[in-house]
Amino acid sequence: MKRGVDLPEAELPRLERPARRAHDPVYEARVERLKAARNQLAAAFDLAPGVLCPNGTLETIARVHPRTRKELAAIPGLKRWQLREIGEALLSAATDPPPSS
């Protein structure tokens, strides 16, 4: 410990911070739609939203942007029961709305 305490500041190891994700309003809107759908379903099932589907899984769905049930089923962390019970609602929420004119 003494050796570490005696090291000059310049010789201390530095932890590299991961780069921040660029602001992506389309992705963020997709996450919000997925959360809203999940929250509505959680209320209907009388479950805590995070139990029904954690935010991390919703963020992965938003990032992958599945367009089919098969693509949704390939999402890491999504369980078969979630796919069966809420899969269609998640797919619908993950679908980007048409651009407004």
Protein backbone atom coordinates (compact mmCIF):
# COMPACT_ATOMS: atom_id res chain seq x y z
CA MET A 1 0.00 0.00 0.00
CA LYS A 2 2.79 2.39 0.85
CA ARG A 3 4.24 2.04 -2.63
CA GLY A 4 0.87 2.96 -4.17
CA VAL A 5 0.36 5.88 -1.81
CA ASP A 6 3.86 7.17 -2.61
CA LEU A 7 3.31 7.17 -6.40
CA PRO A 8 3.26 10.63 -7.96
CA GLU A 9 -0.09 11.72 -9.39
CA ALA A 10 1.26 11.49 -12.96
CA GLU A 11 2.09 7.78 -12.50
CA LEU A 12 -1.28 6.71 -11.12
CA PRO A 13 -3.30 4.49 -13.46
CA ARG A 14 -6.11 6.21 -15.36
CA LEU A 15 -9.44 4.65 -16.16
CA GLU A 16 -10.65 5.41 -19.65
CA ARG A 17 -14.26 6.55 -19.72
CA PRO A 18 -16.39 5.05 -22.45
CA ALA A 19 -17.45 7.47 -25.14
CA ARG A 20 -20.94 8.88 -24.67
CA ARG A 21 -23.53 7.81 -27.15
CA ALA A 22 -24.47 10.45 -29.64
CA HIS A 23 -27.89 11.99 -29.07
CA ASP A 24 -30.36 10.03 -31.20
CA PRO A 25 -33.91 11.37 -30.92
CA VAL A 26 -35.37 8.50 -33.00
CA TYR A 27 -33.84 5.89 -30.66
CA GLU A 28 -34.93 7.84 -27.58
CA ALA A 29 -38.50 8.14 -28.88
CA ARG A 30 -38.51 4.39 -29.55
CA VAL A 31 -37.38 3.73 -25.95
CA GLU A 32 -40.14 6.00 -24.62
CA ARG A 33 -42.81 4.22 -26.70
CA LEU A 34 -41.53 0.85 -25.48
CA LYS A 35 -41.58 2.02 -21.85
CA ALA A 36 -45.12 3.38 -22.23
CA ALA A 37 -46.34 0.09 -23.74
CA ARG A 38 -44.55 -1.94 -21.05
CA ASN A 39 -45.96 0.24 -18.26
CA GLN A 40 -49.50 -0.13 -19.58
CA LEU A 41 -49.09 -3.90 -19.83
CA ALA A 42 -47.52 -4.08 -16.37
CA ALA A 43 -50.56 -2.34 -14.91
CA ALA A 44 -52.87 -4.79 -16.70
CA PHE A 45 -50.85 -7.77 -15.38
CA ASP A 46 -50.53 -6.15 -11.93
CA LEU A 47 -46.74 -6.42 -12.10
CA ALA A 48 -43.96 -3.95 -11.48
CA PRO A 49 -42.81 -2.63 -14.88
CA GLY A 50 -39.22 -3.75 -14.29
CA VAL A 51 -40.40 -7.29 -13.56
CA LEU A 52 -42.41 -7.46 -16.76
CA CYS A 53 -39.52 -6.17 -18.87
CA PRO A 54 -36.45 -4.30 -17.54
CA ASN A 55 -35.39 -0.97 -19.04
CA GLY A 56 -32.13 -2.51 -20.29
CA THR A 57 -34.06 -5.01 -22.39
CA LEU A 58 -36.27 -2.23 -23.77
CA GLU A 59 -33.16 -0.22 -24.67
CA THR A 60 -31.72 -3.23 -26.48
CA ILE A 61 -34.97 -3.68 -28.39
CA ALA A 62 -34.90 0.01 -29.34
CA ARG A 63 -31.28 -0.24 -30.48
CA VAL A 64 -31.80 -3.43 -32.52
CA HIS A 65 -35.14 -2.14 -33.88
CA PRO A 66 -36.67 -5.54 -34.70
CA ARG A 67 -39.29 -5.64 -37.42
CA THR A 68 -40.39 -9.25 -37.06
CA ARG A 69 -41.22 -11.61 -34.24
CA LYS A 70 -38.17 -13.68 -35.20
CA GLU A 71 -35.89 -10.63 -34.88
CA LEU A 72 -37.52 -9.80 -31.54
CA ALA A 73 -36.98 -13.36 -30.32
CA ALA A 74 -33.24 -12.97 -31.00
CA ILE A 75 -32.93 -10.05 -28.56
CA PRO A 76 -30.56 -11.04 -25.73
CA GLY A 77 -32.34 -11.01 -22.39
CA LEU A 78 -35.86 -11.31 -23.77
CA LYS A 79 -37.48 -14.42 -22.29
CA ARG A 80 -39.86 -16.74 -24.14
CA TRP A 81 -42.72 -15.87 -21.81
CA GLN A 82 -42.15 -12.16 -22.52
CA LEU A 83 -42.18 -12.85 -26.24
CA ARG A 84 -45.40 -14.83 -25.87
CA GLU A 85 -47.23 -12.42 -23.55
CA ILE A 86 -46.05 -8.98 -24.67
CA GLY A 87 -44.11 -9.57 -27.89
CA GLU A 88 -46.70 -8.12 -30.25
CA ALA A 89 -47.09 -4.99 -28.12
CA LEU A 90 -43.30 -4.52 -27.99
CA LEU A 91 -43.01 -4.95 -31.76
CA SER A 92 -45.77 -2.44 -32.30
CA ALA A 93 -44.15 0.06 -29.93
CA ALA A 94 -40.73 -0.46 -31.57
CA THR A 95 -42.14 0.42 -34.99
CA ASP A 96 -41.27 3.99 -35.90
CA PRO A 97 -44.27 6.14 -36.78
CA PRO A 98 -44.42 7.45 -40.33
CA PRO A 99 -42.80 10.87 -40.77
CA SER A 100 -45.25 13.71 -40.34
CA SER A 101 -45.71 16.04 -43.28
